[in-house]
Amino acid sequence: MRVLRPVVVALAGLTFATTLSPGEAFAAKGSFIWLGPKGTPYLVENPPNGRCLTMGQHAQAPRNATKTPAVLFPGKKCKGRPIPLAPGKQAPRSTSFSSVRFG
């Protein structure tokens, strides 16, 4: 049983590492930055392409410092009228959103 445990831990670690570091085709290289409550800045490095990221709290003034187009949504889970945000662009400070998708 003692020999089996390190093998299981190593395989689990390898699986976890591969899910956290997807290849270049699966991530928008760069940072996505926004302001949260009280003007606190937040960011996501290399956000995943094609996956909806829902903000946990009020979000505004997004800046897409990635090389991939982003689409902002007013509702959670990428619901509502989409607002495109080109790579390297920043939306006006008054722009609020609840979720974003890249790619």
C-alpha atoms as a PDB file:
ATOM      1  CA  MET A   1       0.000   0.000   0.000  1.00  0.00           C
ATOM      2  CA  ARG A   2       2.910   2.381   0.745  1.00  0.00           C
ATOM      3  CA  VAL A   3       4.336   1.952  -2.767  1.00  0.00           C
ATOM      4  CA  LEU A   4       0.976   2.578  -4.432  1.00  0.00           C
ATOM      5  CA  ARG A   5       0.310   5.854  -2.610  1.00  0.00           C
ATOM      6  CA  PRO A   6       3.286   7.835  -4.097  1.00  0.00           C
ATOM      7  CA  VAL A   7       2.323   6.652  -7.591  1.00  0.00           C
ATOM      8  CA  VAL A   8      -1.277   7.793  -7.119  1.00  0.00           C
ATOM      9  CA  VAL A   9      -0.127  11.157  -5.725  1.00  0.00           C
ATOM     10  CA  ALA A  10       2.281  11.636  -8.652  1.00  0.00           C
ATOM     11  CA  LEU A  11      -0.414  10.834 -11.231  1.00  0.00           C
ATOM     12  CA  ALA A  12      -2.898  13.145  -9.521  1.00  0.00           C
ATOM     13  CA  GLY A  13      -0.312  15.942  -9.492  1.00  0.00           C
ATOM     14  CA  LEU A  14       0.446  15.438 -13.187  1.00  0.00           C
ATOM     15  CA  THR A  15      -3.264  15.543 -14.052  1.00  0.00           C
ATOM     16  CA  PHE A  16      -3.738  18.709 -11.966  1.00  0.00           C
ATOM     17  CA  ALA A  17      -0.724  20.398 -13.587  1.00  0.00           C
ATOM     18  CA  THR A  18      -1.903  19.655 -17.115  1.00  0.00           C
ATOM     19  CA  THR A  19      -5.369  21.020 -16.424  1.00  0.00           C
ATOM     20  CA  LEU A  20      -3.971  24.244 -14.962  1.00  0.00           C
ATOM     21  CA  SER A  21      -1.464  24.968 -17.716  1.00  0.00           C
ATOM     22  CA  PRO A  22      -3.223  24.500 -21.049  1.00  0.00           C
ATOM     23  CA  GLY A  23      -1.308  24.952 -24.294  1.00  0.00           C
ATOM     24  CA  GLU A  24      -1.039  28.176 -26.227  1.00  0.00           C
ATOM     25  CA  ALA A  25      -4.139  27.439 -28.299  1.00  0.00           C
ATOM     26  CA  PHE A  26      -6.306  27.266 -25.191  1.00  0.00           C
ATOM     27  CA  ALA A  27      -5.407  30.543 -23.452  1.00  0.00           C
ATOM     28  CA  ALA A  28      -5.560  34.225 -24.303  1.00  0.00           C
ATOM     29  CA  LYS A  29      -1.979  35.351 -23.719  1.00  0.00           C
ATOM     30  CA  GLY A  30      -1.783  38.431 -21.521  1.00  0.00           C
ATOM     31  CA  SER A  31      -3.917  40.020 -18.802  1.00  0.00           C
ATOM     32  CA  PHE A  32      -7.557  40.950 -18.460  1.00  0.00           C
ATOM     33  CA  ILE A  33      -7.950  43.762 -15.922  1.00  0.00           C
ATOM     34  CA  TRP A  34     -11.051  45.340 -14.369  1.00  0.00           C
ATOM     35  CA  LEU A  35     -12.132  47.412 -11.387  1.00  0.00           C
ATOM     36  CA  GLY A  36     -14.171  45.858  -8.617  1.00  0.00           C
ATOM     37  CA  PRO A  37     -15.943  47.427  -5.638  1.00  0.00           C
ATOM     38  CA  LYS A  38     -14.360  50.639  -4.340  1.00  0.00           C
ATOM     39  CA  GLY A  39     -12.184  50.843  -7.475  1.00  0.00           C
ATOM     40  CA  THR A  40     -10.031  47.864  -6.477  1.00  0.00           C
ATOM     41  CA  PRO A  41      -8.166  46.512  -9.530  1.00  0.00           C
ATOM     42  CA  TYR A  42      -8.375  42.790 -10.363  1.00  0.00           C
ATOM     43  CA  LEU A  43      -6.784  40.751 -13.125  1.00  0.00           C
ATOM     44  CA  VAL A  44      -6.698  37.333 -14.736  1.00  0.00           C
ATOM     45  CA  GLU A  45      -3.462  36.191 -16.406  1.00  0.00           C
ATOM     46  CA  ASN A  46      -3.806  34.137 -19.593  1.00  0.00           C
ATOM     47  CA  PRO A  47      -7.583  33.608 -19.353  1.00  0.00           C
ATOM     48  CA  PRO A  48      -8.920  30.433 -20.986  1.00  0.00           C
ATOM     49  CA  ASN A  49     -10.412  30.687 -24.471  1.00  0.00           C
ATOM     50  CA  GLY A  50     -14.022  29.699 -24.973  1.00  0.00           C
ATOM     51  CA  ARG A  51     -14.903  29.461 -21.289  1.00  0.00           C
ATOM     52  CA  CYS A  52     -17.308  31.862 -19.607  1.00  0.00           C
ATOM     53  CA  LEU A  53     -15.753  33.621 -16.603  1.00  0.00           C
ATOM     54  CA  THR A  54     -18.377  34.990 -14.206  1.00  0.00           C
ATOM     55  CA  MET A  55     -17.363  37.825 -11.903  1.00  0.00           C
ATOM     56  CA  GLY A  56     -18.039  37.241  -8.214  1.00  0.00           C
ATOM     57  CA  GLN A  57     -18.857  40.890  -7.557  1.00  0.00           C
ATOM     58  CA  HIS A  58     -19.462  44.222  -9.288  1.00  0.00           C
ATOM     59  CA  ALA A  59     -17.058  44.671 -12.228  1.00  0.00           C
ATOM     60  CA  GLN A  60     -16.442  47.702 -14.448  1.00  0.00           C
ATOM     61  CA  ALA A  61     -13.839  49.465 -16.628  1.00  0.00           C
ATOM     62  CA  PRO A  62     -12.480  46.306 -18.305  1.00  0.00           C
ATOM     63  CA  ARG A  63      -9.144  46.387 -20.128  1.00  0.00           C
ATOM     64  CA  ASN A  64      -8.267  43.589 -22.521  1.00  0.00           C
ATOM     65  CA  ALA A  65      -4.459  43.414 -22.451  1.00  0.00           C
ATOM     66  CA  THR A  66      -4.523  40.009 -24.181  1.00  0.00           C
ATOM     67  CA  LYS A  67      -3.988  39.237 -27.859  1.00  0.00           C
ATOM     68  CA  THR A  68      -7.444  37.663 -28.106  1.00  0.00           C
ATOM     69  CA  PRO A  69     -10.833  39.366 -28.544  1.00  0.00           C
ATOM     70  CA  ALA A  70     -13.039  39.372 -25.439  1.00  0.00           C
ATOM     71  CA  VAL A  71     -16.812  39.528 -25.224  1.00  0.00           C
ATOM     72  CA  LEU A  72     -18.382  41.112 -22.137  1.00  0.00           C
ATOM     73  CA  PHE A  73     -21.876  40.215 -20.930  1.00  0.00           C
ATOM     74  CA  PRO A  74     -24.173  42.158 -18.580  1.00  0.00           C
ATOM     75  CA  GLY A  75     -25.531  38.941 -17.023  1.00  0.00           C
ATOM     76  CA  LYS A  76     -23.933  36.040 -15.163  1.00  0.00           C
ATOM     77  CA  LYS A  77     -22.943  32.931 -17.174  1.00  0.00           C
ATOM     78  CA  CYS A  78     -22.455  35.008 -20.354  1.00  0.00           C
ATOM     79  CA  LYS A  79     -26.126  35.969 -20.664  1.00  0.00           C
ATOM     80  CA  GLY A  80     -27.440  39.171 -22.194  1.00  0.00           C
ATOM     81  CA  ARG A  81     -26.395  41.423 -25.037  1.00  0.00           C
ATOM     82  CA  PRO A  82     -22.695  40.818 -25.853  1.00  0.00           C
ATOM     83  CA  ILE A  83     -20.255  43.744 -25.829  1.00  0.00           C
ATOM     84  CA  PRO A  84     -17.070  43.085 -27.864  1.00  0.00           C
ATOM     85  CA  LEU A  85     -13.714  44.282 -26.528  1.00  0.00           C
ATOM     86  CA  ALA A  86     -10.800  44.070 -28.973  1.00  0.00           C
ATOM     87  CA  PRO A  87      -7.292  43.017 -27.938  1.00  0.00           C
ATOM     88  CA  GLY A  88      -5.336  45.873 -26.356  1.00  0.00           C
ATOM     89  CA  LYS A  89      -8.454  48.004 -25.816  1.00  0.00           C
ATOM     90  CA  GLN A  90     -10.099  49.421 -22.705  1.00  0.00           C
ATOM     91  CA  ALA A  91     -13.817  50.065 -22.302  1.00  0.00           C
ATOM     92  CA  PRO A  92     -15.054  53.284 -20.675  1.00  0.00           C
ATOM     93  CA  ARG A  93     -14.967  53.337 -16.868  1.00  0.00           C
ATOM     94  CA  SER A  94     -18.777  53.331 -16.814  1.00  0.00           C
ATOM     95  CA  THR A  95     -18.917  49.936 -18.594  1.00  0.00           C
ATOM     96  CA  SER A  96     -20.240  47.321 -16.153  1.00  0.00           C
ATOM     97  CA  PHE A  97     -20.258  43.580 -16.821  1.00  0.00           C
ATOM     98  CA  SER A  98     -20.939  40.329 -14.978  1.00  0.00           C
ATOM     99  CA  SER A  99     -19.131  37.806 -17.184  1.00  0.00           C
ATOM    100  CA  VAL A 100     -16.594  37.584 -20.022  1.00  0.00           C
ATOM    101  CA  ARG A 101     -15.519  35.055 -22.681  1.00  0.00           C
ATOM    102  CA  PHE A 102     -12.329  35.050 -24.782  1.00  0.00           C
ATOM    103  CA  GLY A 103     -11.768  33.714 -28.269  1.00  0.00           C
END
